[in-house]
Amino acid sequence: MRRVLVTGSAGFIGSFVCHALLRQGDAVLGYDGVTDYYDPALKRARLAQLARHNGFQAVEARLEDTASLEAACEAFRPQVIVHLAAQPGVRYSIENPRSYIDSNIVGSFNVLEIARRYQVQHCLMASTSSVYGAGRDMPYHERQKCDTPMSLYAATKKACEALAHSQAHLFGFPVTMFRFFTVYGPWGRPDMALIKFSDAIMQGRPIDVYNHGDLYRDFTYVEDLVEGIRLLIDCPPQRPAASEDIANDDSLSPVAPYRVVNIGNSKQVHLMDFIAALERHLGVEAQKNFLPMQPGDVAATWADCRLLERLTGYRPRTSLDEGVARFVAWYRQYRAET
């Protein structure tokens, strides 16, 4: 039985990761600040489900609170870290930039210090497809340069990648950064498109459709993403003896036990097709308010996931229609209960 620290355990992806680890018999320490960026009631509902597992412990504190993090880990002594806690959202980073510095950079540095102190078997940290920024060479692969972030959110995530590489190089613990693409599914954040659109559609309000609907995203179903993370835990990178030992398709660092891995569905979906799938499963046509592109946003994302498949033998495969259907089934039940 491994001891796994999961930060952001009350979050959308974090709660799914905790469930997956608990099901396979790991002991999980969930660490989450339960902030009010969106309704904490949803976060507490996720935690209530996790509390049913005997192997789950929860700590409610911010990662910037170094004393609380150190005390929690001194008692738990993690062997693996899955760091998912962050201040999310491209658009909100324009309104409240300091929260991104505090949560994403300071908080992530504190997690890396825990990894160093306990010399964990593997530290896995969430990044984002947003780091690809203005890049147009798609599908995005992990060896591309990412020097053109389009938002502060993306910039903080790229900074975390650099921090993690330096600490892995200096102190020898293995780090995998996974770059998420557009994740959706049950228990999602209410600031994300599916819940925002569903609420508006069911209440007869128009939905805001940016760039006049001409956007493409690599939509990734949450359970597919989590399976990728779960399998990557058992694939810690090793410092190569020489640069020629690195495969051409590998993002492994030549000087550190450090790797970047995309986790996406490897398919581009037009935003209007995404909306059409939601309309179909809700049984209601949306009123659409077509708007220009929002600042900090990008026109398209698309993941090359061949490295994930080579390392784990796994590639996300849930179709958009199936994933949206599962979301709508959850959404109807959750709204009926709340």
C-alpha atoms as a PDB file:
ATOM      1  CA  MET A   1       0.000   0.000   0.000  1.00  0.00           C
ATOM      2  CA  ARG A   2       1.446   3.356  -1.062  1.00  0.00           C
ATOM      3  CA  ARG A   3       0.959   6.634   0.755  1.00  0.00           C
ATOM      4  CA  VAL A   4      -0.099   9.250  -1.800  1.00  0.00           C
ATOM      5  CA  LEU A   5      -0.483  12.966  -1.160  1.00  0.00           C
ATOM      6  CA  VAL A   6      -3.091  14.450  -3.512  1.00  0.00           C
ATOM      7  CA  THR A   7      -3.336  18.227  -3.502  1.00  0.00           C
ATOM      8  CA  GLY A   8      -6.571  19.737  -4.783  1.00  0.00           C
ATOM      9  CA  SER A   9      -8.496  16.700  -3.516  1.00  0.00           C
ATOM     10  CA  ALA A  10     -11.789  18.620  -3.273  1.00  0.00           C
ATOM     11  CA  GLY A  11     -11.460  19.714  -6.888  1.00  0.00           C
ATOM     12  CA  PHE A  12     -12.969  18.285 -10.050  1.00  0.00           C
ATOM     13  CA  ILE A  13      -9.990  16.231 -11.212  1.00  0.00           C
ATOM     14  CA  GLY A  14      -8.473  15.748  -7.762  1.00  0.00           C
ATOM     15  CA  SER A  15     -11.538  14.022  -6.352  1.00  0.00           C
ATOM     16  CA  PHE A  16     -11.589  11.555  -9.268  1.00  0.00           C
ATOM     17  CA  VAL A  17      -7.868  10.841  -8.774  1.00  0.00           C
ATOM     18  CA  CYS A  18      -8.454  10.157  -5.062  1.00  0.00           C
ATOM     19  CA  HIS A  19     -11.268   7.713  -5.834  1.00  0.00           C
ATOM     20  CA  ALA A  20      -9.097   5.855  -8.377  1.00  0.00           C
ATOM     21  CA  LEU A  21      -6.185   5.526  -5.932  1.00  0.00           C
ATOM     22  CA  LEU A  22      -8.405   4.457  -3.044  1.00  0.00           C
ATOM     23  CA  ARG A  23     -10.046   1.791  -5.197  1.00  0.00           C
ATOM     24  CA  GLN A  24      -6.653   0.211  -5.847  1.00  0.00           C
ATOM     25  CA  GLY A  25      -5.795   0.169  -2.143  1.00  0.00           C
ATOM     26  CA  ASP A  26      -3.562   3.222  -1.724  1.00  0.00           C
ATOM     27  CA  ALA A  27      -3.707   5.395   1.386  1.00  0.00           C
ATOM     28  CA  VAL A  28      -4.543   8.961   0.332  1.00  0.00           C
ATOM     29  CA  LEU A  29      -3.979  12.249   2.125  1.00  0.00           C
ATOM     30  CA  GLY A  30      -6.167  14.852   0.446  1.00  0.00           C
ATOM     31  CA  TYR A  31      -4.967  18.423   0.894  1.00  0.00           C
ATOM     32  CA  ASP A  32      -7.249  21.249  -0.244  1.00  0.00           C
ATOM     33  CA  GLY A  33      -7.924  24.856   0.730  1.00  0.00           C
ATOM     34  CA  VAL A  34     -11.648  24.636  -0.229  1.00  0.00           C
ATOM     35  CA  THR A  35     -11.475  28.206  -1.519  1.00  0.00           C
ATOM     36  CA  ASP A  36     -14.475  30.227  -2.664  1.00  0.00           C
ATOM     37  CA  TYR A  37     -13.358  30.635  -6.305  1.00  0.00           C
ATOM     38  CA  TYR A  38     -16.541  28.674  -6.958  1.00  0.00           C
ATOM     39  CA  ASP A  39     -19.244  27.313  -4.641  1.00  0.00           C
ATOM     40  CA  PRO A  40     -17.497  25.426  -1.788  1.00  0.00           C
ATOM     41  CA  ALA A  41     -20.647  23.321  -1.364  1.00  0.00           C
ATOM     42  CA  LEU A  42     -19.719  21.401  -4.508  1.00  0.00           C
ATOM     43  CA  LYS A  43     -16.217  20.817  -3.145  1.00  0.00           C
ATOM     44  CA  ARG A  44     -17.579  19.607   0.178  1.00  0.00           C
ATOM     45  CA  ALA A  45     -19.961  17.249  -1.604  1.00  0.00           C
ATOM     46  CA  ARG A  46     -16.964  15.700  -3.378  1.00  0.00           C
ATOM     47  CA  LEU A  47     -15.096  15.394  -0.065  1.00  0.00           C
ATOM     48  CA  ALA A  48     -18.119  13.783   1.577  1.00  0.00           C
ATOM     49  CA  GLN A  49     -17.970  10.998  -1.005  1.00  0.00           C
ATOM     50  CA  LEU A  50     -14.258  10.505  -0.409  1.00  0.00           C
ATOM     51  CA  ALA A  51     -14.764  10.386   3.368  1.00  0.00           C
ATOM     52  CA  ARG A  52     -16.619   7.075   2.937  1.00  0.00           C
ATOM     53  CA  HIS A  53     -13.282   5.393   2.201  1.00  0.00           C
ATOM     54  CA  ASN A  54     -11.280   4.169   5.213  1.00  0.00           C
ATOM     55  CA  GLY A  55      -8.012   4.954   3.461  1.00  0.00           C
ATOM     56  CA  PHE A  56      -8.753   8.655   2.993  1.00  0.00           C
ATOM     57  CA  GLN A  57      -7.573  11.489   5.238  1.00  0.00           C
ATOM     58  CA  ALA A  58      -8.389  15.152   4.580  1.00  0.00           C
ATOM     59  CA  VAL A  59      -6.602  18.351   5.509  1.00  0.00           C
ATOM     60  CA  GLU A  60      -8.219  21.712   4.779  1.00  0.00           C
ATOM     61  CA  ALA A  61      -5.486  24.306   4.311  1.00  0.00           C
ATOM     62  CA  ARG A  62      -3.799  26.345   1.605  1.00  0.00           C
ATOM     63  CA  LEU A  63      -0.528  25.208   0.067  1.00  0.00           C
ATOM     64  CA  GLU A  64       0.881  28.648   0.779  1.00  0.00           C
ATOM     65  CA  ASP A  65       0.478  27.770   4.496  1.00  0.00           C
ATOM     66  CA  THR A  66       3.875  26.105   4.780  1.00  0.00           C
ATOM     67  CA  ALA A  67       3.452  25.123   8.438  1.00  0.00           C
ATOM     68  CA  SER A  68       0.169  23.285   7.786  1.00  0.00           C
ATOM     69  CA  LEU A  69       1.571  21.463   4.765  1.00  0.00           C
ATOM     70  CA  GLU A  70       4.699  20.401   6.627  1.00  0.00           C
ATOM     71  CA  ALA A  71       2.714  19.215   9.663  1.00  0.00           C
ATOM     72  CA  ALA A  72       0.336  17.166   7.513  1.00  0.00           C
ATOM     73  CA  CYS A  73       3.196  15.517   5.643  1.00  0.00           C
ATOM     74  CA  GLU A  74       5.282  14.874   8.745  1.00  0.00           C
ATOM     75  CA  ALA A  75       2.479  12.693  10.060  1.00  0.00           C
ATOM     76  CA  PHE A  76       1.666  11.058   6.692  1.00  0.00           C
ATOM     77  CA  ARG A  77       5.152  10.815   5.130  1.00  0.00           C
ATOM     78  CA  PRO A  78       4.094  10.600   1.467  1.00  0.00           C
ATOM     79  CA  GLN A  79       5.774   8.220  -0.937  1.00  0.00           C
ATOM     80  CA  VAL A  80       4.080   9.663  -4.030  1.00  0.00           C
ATOM     81  CA  ILE A  81       2.697  13.147  -4.694  1.00  0.00           C
ATOM     82  CA  VAL A  82       0.001  14.032  -7.224  1.00  0.00           C
ATOM     83  CA  HIS A  83      -0.118  17.835  -7.236  1.00  0.00           C
ATOM     84  CA  LEU A  84      -3.354  19.098  -8.765  1.00  0.00           C
ATOM     85  CA  ALA A  85      -4.172  22.108  -6.575  1.00  0.00           C
ATOM     86  CA  ALA A  86      -4.038  25.392  -8.467  1.00  0.00           C
ATOM     87  CA  GLN A  87      -5.871  28.587  -9.157  1.00  0.00           C
ATOM     88  CA  PRO A  88      -7.500  27.637 -12.481  1.00  0.00           C
ATOM     89  CA  GLY A  89      -9.031  29.654 -15.284  1.00  0.00           C
ATOM     90  CA  VAL A  90      -7.585  31.707 -18.116  1.00  0.00           C
ATOM     91  CA  ARG A  91     -10.077  34.558 -17.837  1.00  0.00           C
ATOM     92  CA  TYR A  92      -9.961  34.968 -14.060  1.00  0.00           C
ATOM     93  CA  SER A  93      -6.172  35.372 -14.232  1.00  0.00           C
ATOM     94  CA  ILE A  94      -6.767  38.750 -15.866  1.00  0.00           C
ATOM     95  CA  GLU A  95      -9.036  39.873 -13.023  1.00  0.00           C
ATOM     96  CA  ASN A  96      -7.073  38.522 -10.048  1.00  0.00           C
ATOM     97  CA  PRO A  97      -3.483  37.835 -11.094  1.00  0.00           C
ATOM     98  CA  ARG A  98      -1.952  37.722  -7.616  1.00  0.00           C
ATOM     99  CA  SER A  99      -3.980  34.655  -6.650  1.00  0.00           C
ATOM    100  CA  TYR A 100      -2.196  32.778  -9.467  1.00  0.00           C
ATOM    101  CA  ILE A 101       1.241  33.741  -8.181  1.00  0.00           C
ATOM    102  CA  ASP A 102       0.329  32.692  -4.641  1.00  0.00           C
ATOM    103  CA  SER A 103      -1.411  29.416  -5.482  1.00  0.00           C
ATOM    104  CA  ASN A 104       0.377  28.218  -8.588  1.00  0.00           C
ATOM    105  CA  ILE A 105       3.954  29.321  -7.979  1.00  0.00           C
ATOM    106  CA  VAL A 106       4.373  29.642  -4.194  1.00  0.00           C
ATOM    107  CA  GLY A 107       2.097  26.677  -3.508  1.00  0.00           C
ATOM    108  CA  SER A 108       3.833  24.488  -6.083  1.00  0.00           C
ATOM    109  CA  PHE A 109       7.272  25.385  -4.716  1.00  0.00           C
ATOM    110  CA  ASN A 110       6.103  24.256  -1.264  1.00  0.00           C
ATOM    111  CA  VAL A 111       4.980  20.939  -2.745  1.00  0.00           C
ATOM    112  CA  LEU A 112       8.379  20.494  -4.397  1.00  0.00           C
ATOM    113  CA  GLU A 113      10.009  21.109  -1.026  1.00  0.00           C
ATOM    114  CA  ILE A 114       7.932  18.276   0.420  1.00  0.00           C
ATOM    115  CA  ALA A 115       9.018  16.038  -2.459  1.00  0.00           C
ATOM    116  CA  ARG A 116      12.655  16.916  -1.730  1.00  0.00           C
ATOM    117  CA  ARG A 117      12.340  16.397   2.014  1.00  0.00           C
ATOM    118  CA  TYR A 118      10.808  12.928   1.708  1.00  0.00           C
ATOM    119  CA  GLN A 119      12.622  11.947  -1.504  1.00  0.00           C
ATOM    120  CA  VAL A 120       9.351  10.669  -2.912  1.00  0.00           C
ATOM    121  CA  GLN A 121       9.267   7.813  -5.400  1.00  0.00           C
ATOM    122  CA  HIS A 122       7.484  10.052  -7.899  1.00  0.00           C
ATOM    123  CA  CYS A 123       6.121  13.610  -7.901  1.00  0.00           C
ATOM    124  CA  LEU A 124       3.453  14.185 -10.561  1.00  0.00           C
ATOM    125  CA  MET A 125       2.331  17.757 -11.203  1.00  0.00           C
ATOM    126  CA  ALA A 126      -0.462  19.232 -13.290  1.00  0.00           C
ATOM    127  CA  SER A 127       0.362  21.623 -16.084  1.00  0.00           C
ATOM    128  CA  THR A 128      -1.918  22.678 -18.941  1.00  0.00           C
ATOM    129  CA  SER A 129      -2.265  22.779 -22.694  1.00  0.00           C
ATOM    130  CA  SER A 130      -2.397  26.563 -22.258  1.00  0.00           C
ATOM    131  CA  VAL A 131       1.426  26.565 -22.057  1.00  0.00           C
ATOM    132  CA  TYR A 132       1.506  25.929 -25.819  1.00  0.00           C
ATOM    133  CA  GLY A 133       0.174  29.482 -26.157  1.00  0.00           C
ATOM    134  CA  ALA A 134       0.372  30.911 -29.646  1.00  0.00           C
ATOM    135  CA  GLY A 135       1.957  27.773 -31.075  1.00  0.00           C
ATOM    136  CA  ARG A 136       0.388  26.653 -34.357  1.00  0.00           C
ATOM    137  CA  ASP A 137       2.243  23.396 -34.904  1.00  0.00           C
ATOM    138  CA  MET A 138      -0.516  20.915 -34.054  1.00  0.00           C
ATOM    139  CA  PRO A 139      -1.106  18.382 -32.712  1.00  0.00           C
ATOM    140  CA  TYR A 140       0.966  19.727 -29.845  1.00  0.00           C
ATOM    141  CA  HIS A 141       3.819  17.465 -28.763  1.00  0.00           C
ATOM    142  CA  GLU A 142       5.806  17.695 -25.544  1.00  0.00           C
ATOM    143  CA  ARG A 143       9.121  18.669 -27.166  1.00  0.00           C
ATOM    144  CA  GLN A 144       7.776  21.883 -28.685  1.00  0.00           C
ATOM    145  CA  LYS A 145       9.026  25.228 -27.434  1.00  0.00           C
ATOM    146  CA  CYS A 146       6.428  26.938 -25.222  1.00  0.00           C
ATOM    147  CA  ASP A 147       7.663  30.498 -25.025  1.00  0.00           C
ATOM    148  CA  THR A 148       4.505  32.376 -26.008  1.00  0.00           C
ATOM    149  CA  PRO A 149       1.977  32.087 -23.130  1.00  0.00           C
ATOM    150  CA  MET A 150      -1.250  33.962 -23.831  1.00  0.00           C
ATOM    151  CA  SER A 151      -2.375  34.397 -20.195  1.00  0.00           C
ATOM    152  CA  LEU A 152      -0.904  34.726 -16.728  1.00  0.00           C
ATOM    153  CA  TYR A 153      -2.451  31.354 -15.884  1.00  0.00           C
ATOM    154  CA  ALA A 154      -0.402  29.732 -18.657  1.00  0.00           C
ATOM    155  CA  ALA A 155       2.707  31.652 -17.594  1.00  0.00           C
ATOM    156  CA  THR A 156       2.447  30.426 -13.991  1.00  0.00           C
ATOM    157  CA  LYS A 157       2.065  26.833 -15.164  1.00  0.00           C
ATOM    158  CA  LYS A 158       5.119  27.158 -17.420  1.00  0.00           C
ATOM    159  CA  ALA A 159       7.010  28.630 -14.473  1.00  0.00           C
ATOM    160  CA  CYS A 160       6.049  25.589 -12.400  1.00  0.00           C
ATOM    161  CA  GLU A 161       7.465  23.316 -15.092  1.00  0.00           C
ATOM    162  CA  ALA A 162      10.774  25.175 -14.876  1.00  0.00           C
ATOM    163  CA  LEU A 163      10.786  25.066 -11.051  1.00  0.00           C
ATOM    164  CA  ALA A 164      10.078  21.348 -11.055  1.00  0.00           C
ATOM    165  CA  HIS A 165      12.858  20.651 -13.557  1.00  0.00           C
ATOM    166  CA  SER A 166      15.436  22.530 -11.511  1.00  0.00           C
ATOM    167  CA  GLN A 167      14.489  20.728  -8.286  1.00  0.00           C
ATOM    168  CA  ALA A 168      14.474  17.323  -9.974  1.00  0.00           C
ATOM    169  CA  HIS A 169      17.932  18.055 -11.364  1.00  0.00           C
ATOM    170  CA  LEU A 170      19.358  19.288  -8.065  1.00  0.00           C
ATOM    171  CA  PHE A 171      17.809  16.788  -5.675  1.00  0.00           C
ATOM    172  CA  GLY A 172      17.208  13.696  -7.789  1.00  0.00           C
ATOM    173  CA  PHE A 173      13.544  12.949  -7.157  1.00  0.00           C
ATOM    174  CA  PRO A 174      11.569  12.047 -10.320  1.00  0.00           C
ATOM    175  CA  VAL A 175       9.001  14.516 -11.634  1.00  0.00           C
ATOM    176  CA  THR A 176       6.381  14.068 -14.338  1.00  0.00           C
ATOM    177  CA  MET A 177       4.484  17.127 -15.514  1.00  0.00           C
ATOM    178  CA  PHE A 178       1.230  16.271 -17.267  1.00  0.00           C
ATOM    179  CA  ARG A 179      -0.330  18.800 -19.593  1.00  0.00           C
ATOM    180  CA  PHE A 180      -4.119  18.585 -19.477  1.00  0.00           C
ATOM    181  CA  PHE A 181      -6.293  19.540 -22.387  1.00  0.00           C
ATOM    182  CA  THR A 182      -9.982  20.552 -22.037  1.00  0.00           C
ATOM    183  CA  VAL A 183     -11.306  18.237 -19.319  1.00  0.00           C
ATOM    184  CA  TYR A 184     -15.042  17.678 -18.868  1.00  0.00           C
ATOM    185  CA  GLY A 185     -17.427  15.293 -17.131  1.00  0.00           C
ATOM    186  CA  PRO A 186     -19.525  14.790 -13.973  1.00  0.00           C
ATOM    187  CA  TRP A 187     -18.674  16.883 -10.893  1.00  0.00           C
ATOM    188  CA  GLY A 188     -17.038  19.534 -13.110  1.00  0.00           C
ATOM    189  CA  ARG A 189     -16.358  23.102 -12.073  1.00  0.00           C
ATOM    190  CA  PRO A 190     -19.322  25.471 -12.467  1.00  0.00           C
ATOM    191  CA  ASP A 191     -17.119  28.036 -14.237  1.00  0.00           C
ATOM    192  CA  MET A 192     -16.459  25.540 -17.036  1.00  0.00           C
ATOM    193  CA  ALA A 193     -18.491  25.370 -20.216  1.00  0.00           C
ATOM    194  CA  LEU A 194     -20.628  22.280 -19.584  1.00  0.00           C
ATOM    195  CA  ILE A 195     -22.238  23.420 -16.352  1.00  0.00           C
ATOM    196  CA  LYS A 196     -22.460  27.063 -17.424  1.00  0.00           C
ATOM    197  CA  PHE A 197     -24.088  26.082 -20.694  1.00  0.00           C
ATOM    198  CA  SER A 198     -26.397  23.515 -19.088  1.00  0.00           C
ATOM    199  CA  ASP A 199     -27.625  25.933 -16.432  1.00  0.00           C
ATOM    200  CA  ALA A 200     -28.305  28.618 -19.032  1.00  0.00           C
ATOM    201  CA  ILE A 201     -30.031  26.250 -21.455  1.00  0.00           C
ATOM    202  CA  MET A 202     -32.295  24.746 -18.813  1.00  0.00           C
ATOM    203  CA  GLN A 203     -33.184  28.199 -17.463  1.00  0.00           C
ATOM    204  CA  GLY A 204     -33.951  29.615 -20.910  1.00  0.00           C
ATOM    205  CA  ARG A 205     -30.984  32.002 -20.909  1.00  0.00           C
ATOM    206  CA  PRO A 206     -28.609  32.454 -23.869  1.00  0.00           C
ATOM    207  CA  ILE A 207     -25.135  30.956 -23.756  1.00  0.00           C
ATOM    208  CA  ASP A 208     -22.063  33.048 -24.599  1.00  0.00           C
ATOM    209  CA  VAL A 209     -20.239  31.554 -27.586  1.00  0.00           C
ATOM    210  CA  TYR A 210     -16.821  33.148 -28.077  1.00  0.00           C
ATOM    211  CA  ASN A 211     -15.006  33.712 -31.368  1.00  0.00           C
ATOM    212  CA  HIS A 212     -18.455  33.294 -32.922  1.00  0.00           C
ATOM    213  CA  GLY A 213     -18.184  29.562 -32.260  1.00  0.00           C
ATOM    214  CA  ASP A 214     -15.039  29.085 -34.354  1.00  0.00           C
ATOM    215  CA  LEU A 215     -12.993  27.371 -31.637  1.00  0.00           C
ATOM    216  CA  TYR A 216     -11.527  23.877 -31.534  1.00  0.00           C
ATOM    217  CA  ARG A 217     -10.691  21.958 -28.377  1.00  0.00           C
ATOM    218  CA  ASP A 218      -9.264  18.548 -27.533  1.00  0.00           C
ATOM    219  CA  PHE A 219     -12.057  17.577 -25.120  1.00  0.00           C
ATOM    220  CA  THR A 220     -10.870  14.926 -22.643  1.00  0.00           C
ATOM    221  CA  TYR A 221     -13.293  12.966 -20.481  1.00  0.00           C
ATOM    222  CA  VAL A 222     -12.265  13.176 -16.820  1.00  0.00           C
ATOM    223  CA  GLU A 223     -12.049   9.423 -16.177  1.00  0.00           C
ATOM    224  CA  ASP A 224      -9.778   9.012 -19.216  1.00  0.00           C
ATOM    225  CA  LEU A 225      -7.504  11.710 -17.832  1.00  0.00           C
ATOM    226  CA  VAL A 226      -7.435  10.095 -14.393  1.00  0.00           C
ATOM    227  CA  GLU A 227      -6.563   6.690 -15.841  1.00  0.00           C
ATOM    228  CA  GLY A 228      -3.603   8.307 -17.582  1.00  0.00           C
ATOM    229  CA  ILE A 229      -2.444   9.846 -14.303  1.00  0.00           C
ATOM    230  CA  ARG A 230      -2.912   6.584 -12.413  1.00  0.00           C
ATOM    231  CA  LEU A 231      -0.793   4.667 -14.914  1.00  0.00           C
ATOM    232  CA  LEU A 232       1.908   7.349 -15.066  1.00  0.00           C
ATOM    233  CA  ILE A 233       2.503   7.006 -11.316  1.00  0.00           C
ATOM    234  CA  ASP A 234       4.267   3.719 -12.106  1.00  0.00           C
ATOM    235  CA  CYS A 235       6.408   5.325 -14.832  1.00  0.00           C
ATOM    236  CA  PRO A 236       8.839   7.577 -12.931  1.00  0.00           C
ATOM    237  CA  PRO A 237      11.440   9.148 -15.224  1.00  0.00           C
ATOM    238  CA  GLN A 238      15.091   8.309 -14.675  1.00  0.00           C
ATOM    239  CA  ARG A 239      18.022  10.623 -15.295  1.00  0.00           C
ATOM    240  CA  PRO A 240      19.603   9.419 -18.566  1.00  0.00           C
ATOM    241  CA  ALA A 241      23.239   8.425 -18.617  1.00  0.00           C
ATOM    242  CA  ALA A 242      23.680  10.316 -21.905  1.00  0.00           C
ATOM    243  CA  SER A 243      21.496  12.394 -24.198  1.00  0.00           C
ATOM    244  CA  GLU A 244      21.725   9.749 -26.918  1.00  0.00           C
ATOM    245  CA  ASP A 245      19.845   7.400 -24.584  1.00  0.00           C
ATOM    246  CA  ILE A 246      16.681   9.514 -25.011  1.00  0.00           C
ATOM    247  CA  ALA A 247      14.223   8.341 -27.645  1.00  0.00           C
ATOM    248  CA  ASN A 248      13.335  10.856 -30.355  1.00  0.00           C
ATOM    249  CA  ASP A 249       9.718  11.055 -29.199  1.00  0.00           C
ATOM    250  CA  ASP A 250      10.554  11.393 -25.500  1.00  0.00           C
ATOM    251  CA  SER A 251      10.441  14.656 -23.526  1.00  0.00           C
ATOM    252  CA  LEU A 252      12.811  13.247 -20.895  1.00  0.00           C
ATOM    253  CA  SER A 253      15.308  15.852 -19.715  1.00  0.00           C
ATOM    254  CA  PRO A 254      18.952  15.175 -20.589  1.00  0.00           C
ATOM    255  CA  VAL A 255      20.043  16.306 -17.115  1.00  0.00           C
ATOM    256  CA  ALA A 256      17.244  15.383 -14.708  1.00  0.00           C
ATOM    257  CA  PRO A 257      14.696  12.656 -13.883  1.00  0.00           C
ATOM    258  CA  TYR A 258      12.018  14.873 -15.398  1.00  0.00           C
ATOM    259  CA  ARG A 259       9.473  14.413 -18.181  1.00  0.00           C
ATOM    260  CA  VAL A 260       6.445  16.215 -19.656  1.00  0.00           C
ATOM    261  CA  VAL A 261       3.464  14.161 -20.881  1.00  0.00           C
ATOM    262  CA  ASN A 262       0.331  15.283 -22.728  1.00  0.00           C
ATOM    263  CA  ILE A 263      -2.972  13.746 -21.646  1.00  0.00           C
ATOM    264  CA  GLY A 264      -5.724  14.473 -24.162  1.00  0.00           C
ATOM    265  CA  ASN A 265      -8.192  12.724 -26.411  1.00  0.00           C
ATOM    266  CA  SER A 266      -6.049  13.365 -29.518  1.00  0.00           C
ATOM    267  CA  LYS A 267      -9.026  14.728 -31.445  1.00  0.00           C
ATOM    268  CA  GLN A 268     -10.058  18.269 -32.330  1.00  0.00           C
ATOM    269  CA  VAL A 269     -13.749  19.029 -31.790  1.00  0.00           C
ATOM    270  CA  HIS A 270     -15.416  22.167 -33.075  1.00  0.00           C
ATOM    271  CA  LEU A 271     -17.127  24.137 -30.305  1.00  0.00           C
ATOM    272  CA  MET A 272     -20.434  24.099 -32.173  1.00  0.00           C
ATOM    273  CA  ASP A 273     -20.323  20.288 -32.304  1.00  0.00           C
ATOM    274  CA  PHE A 274     -19.717  20.239 -28.561  1.00  0.00           C
ATOM    275  CA  ILE A 275     -22.745  22.492 -28.029  1.00  0.00           C
ATOM    276  CA  ALA A 276     -24.828  20.323 -30.365  1.00  0.00           C
ATOM    277  CA  ALA A 277     -24.008  17.206 -28.313  1.00  0.00           C
ATOM    278  CA  LEU A 278     -25.075  18.997 -25.133  1.00  0.00           C
ATOM    279  CA  GLU A 279     -28.325  20.198 -26.743  1.00  0.00           C
ATOM    280  CA  ARG A 280     -29.060  16.681 -27.948  1.00  0.00           C
ATOM    281  CA  HIS A 281     -28.682  15.092 -24.510  1.00  0.00           C
ATOM    282  CA  LEU A 282     -30.489  17.886 -22.657  1.00  0.00           C
ATOM    283  CA  GLY A 283     -33.276  17.809 -25.239  1.00  0.00           C
ATOM    284  CA  VAL A 284     -33.290  21.614 -25.525  1.00  0.00           C
ATOM    285  CA  GLU A 285     -31.825  23.914 -28.179  1.00  0.00           C
ATOM    286  CA  ALA A 286     -29.621  26.663 -26.809  1.00  0.00           C
ATOM    287  CA  GLN A 287     -30.113  30.359 -27.458  1.00  0.00           C
ATOM    288  CA  LYS A 288     -26.676  31.541 -28.569  1.00  0.00           C
ATOM    289  CA  ASN A 289     -25.025  34.892 -27.955  1.00  0.00           C
ATOM    290  CA  PHE A 290     -22.105  34.995 -30.422  1.00  0.00           C
ATOM    291  CA  LEU A 291     -19.170  37.087 -29.174  1.00  0.00           C
ATOM    292  CA  PRO A 292     -15.577  37.923 -30.212  1.00  0.00           C
ATOM    293  CA  MET A 293     -12.564  36.004 -28.914  1.00  0.00           C
ATOM    294  CA  GLN A 294     -11.822  36.643 -25.247  1.00  0.00           C
ATOM    295  CA  PRO A 295      -8.426  38.043 -24.155  1.00  0.00           C
ATOM    296  CA  GLY A 296      -5.945  35.309 -23.229  1.00  0.00           C
ATOM    297  CA  ASP A 297      -7.821  32.561 -25.058  1.00  0.00           C
ATOM    298  CA  VAL A 298      -6.529  30.458 -27.961  1.00  0.00           C
ATOM    299  CA  ALA A 299      -8.353  29.373 -31.111  1.00  0.00           C
ATOM    300  CA  ALA A 300      -7.473  25.681 -30.956  1.00  0.00           C
ATOM    301  CA  THR A 301      -5.866  22.893 -28.940  1.00  0.00           C
ATOM    302  CA  TRP A 302      -4.969  19.374 -30.037  1.00  0.00           C
ATOM    303  CA  ALA A 303      -2.877  16.800 -28.174  1.00  0.00           C
ATOM    304  CA  ASP A 304      -0.303  14.398 -29.521  1.00  0.00           C
ATOM    305  CA  CYS A 305      -0.541  11.576 -26.944  1.00  0.00           C
ATOM    306  CA  ARG A 306       1.841   9.049 -28.449  1.00  0.00           C
ATOM    307  CA  LEU A 307       4.266   9.444 -25.542  1.00  0.00           C
ATOM    308  CA  LEU A 308       1.533   8.647 -23.002  1.00  0.00           C
ATOM    309  CA  GLU A 309       0.634   5.542 -24.994  1.00  0.00           C
ATOM    310  CA  ARG A 310       4.255   4.413 -25.289  1.00  0.00           C
ATOM    311  CA  LEU A 311       4.859   4.819 -21.543  1.00  0.00           C
ATOM    312  CA  THR A 312       1.610   3.302 -20.293  1.00  0.00           C
ATOM    313  CA  GLY A 313      -0.004   1.426 -23.171  1.00  0.00           C
ATOM    314  CA  TYR A 314      -3.057   3.640 -22.685  1.00  0.00           C
ATOM    315  CA  ARG A 315      -4.729   6.286 -24.794  1.00  0.00           C
ATOM    316  CA  PRO A 316      -7.980   8.115 -23.853  1.00  0.00           C
ATOM    317  CA  ARG A 317     -10.851   6.896 -26.011  1.00  0.00           C
ATOM    318  CA  THR A 318     -14.185   8.079 -24.572  1.00  0.00           C
ATOM    319  CA  SER A 319     -16.183   9.667 -27.390  1.00  0.00           C
ATOM    320  CA  LEU A 320     -17.613  13.153 -26.972  1.00  0.00           C
ATOM    321  CA  ASP A 321     -21.172  11.848 -27.261  1.00  0.00           C
ATOM    322  CA  GLU A 322     -20.629   9.240 -24.552  1.00  0.00           C
ATOM    323  CA  GLY A 323     -18.876  11.686 -22.248  1.00  0.00           C
ATOM    324  CA  VAL A 324     -21.543  14.379 -22.614  1.00  0.00           C
ATOM    325  CA  ALA A 325     -24.272  11.780 -21.998  1.00  0.00           C
ATOM    326  CA  ARG A 326     -22.599  10.770 -18.720  1.00  0.00           C
ATOM    327  CA  PHE A 327     -22.260  14.407 -17.725  1.00  0.00           C
ATOM    328  CA  VAL A 328     -25.946  15.157 -18.423  1.00  0.00           C
ATOM    329  CA  ALA A 329     -27.057  12.121 -16.375  1.00  0.00           C
ATOM    330  CA  TRP A 330     -25.016  13.401 -13.422  1.00  0.00           C
ATOM    331  CA  TYR A 331     -26.120  17.012 -13.975  1.00  0.00           C
ATOM    332  CA  ARG A 332     -29.825  16.158 -13.838  1.00  0.00           C
ATOM    333  CA  GLN A 333     -29.411  14.211 -10.605  1.00  0.00           C
ATOM    334  CA  TYR A 334     -27.168  16.826  -8.974  1.00  0.00           C
ATOM    335  CA  ARG A 335     -29.482  19.717  -9.814  1.00  0.00           C
ATOM    336  CA  ALA A 336     -32.488  17.704  -8.565  1.00  0.00           C
ATOM    337  CA  GLU A 337     -30.724  17.224  -5.226  1.00  0.00           C
ATOM    338  CA  THR A 338     -29.578  20.833  -4.886  1.00  0.00           C
END
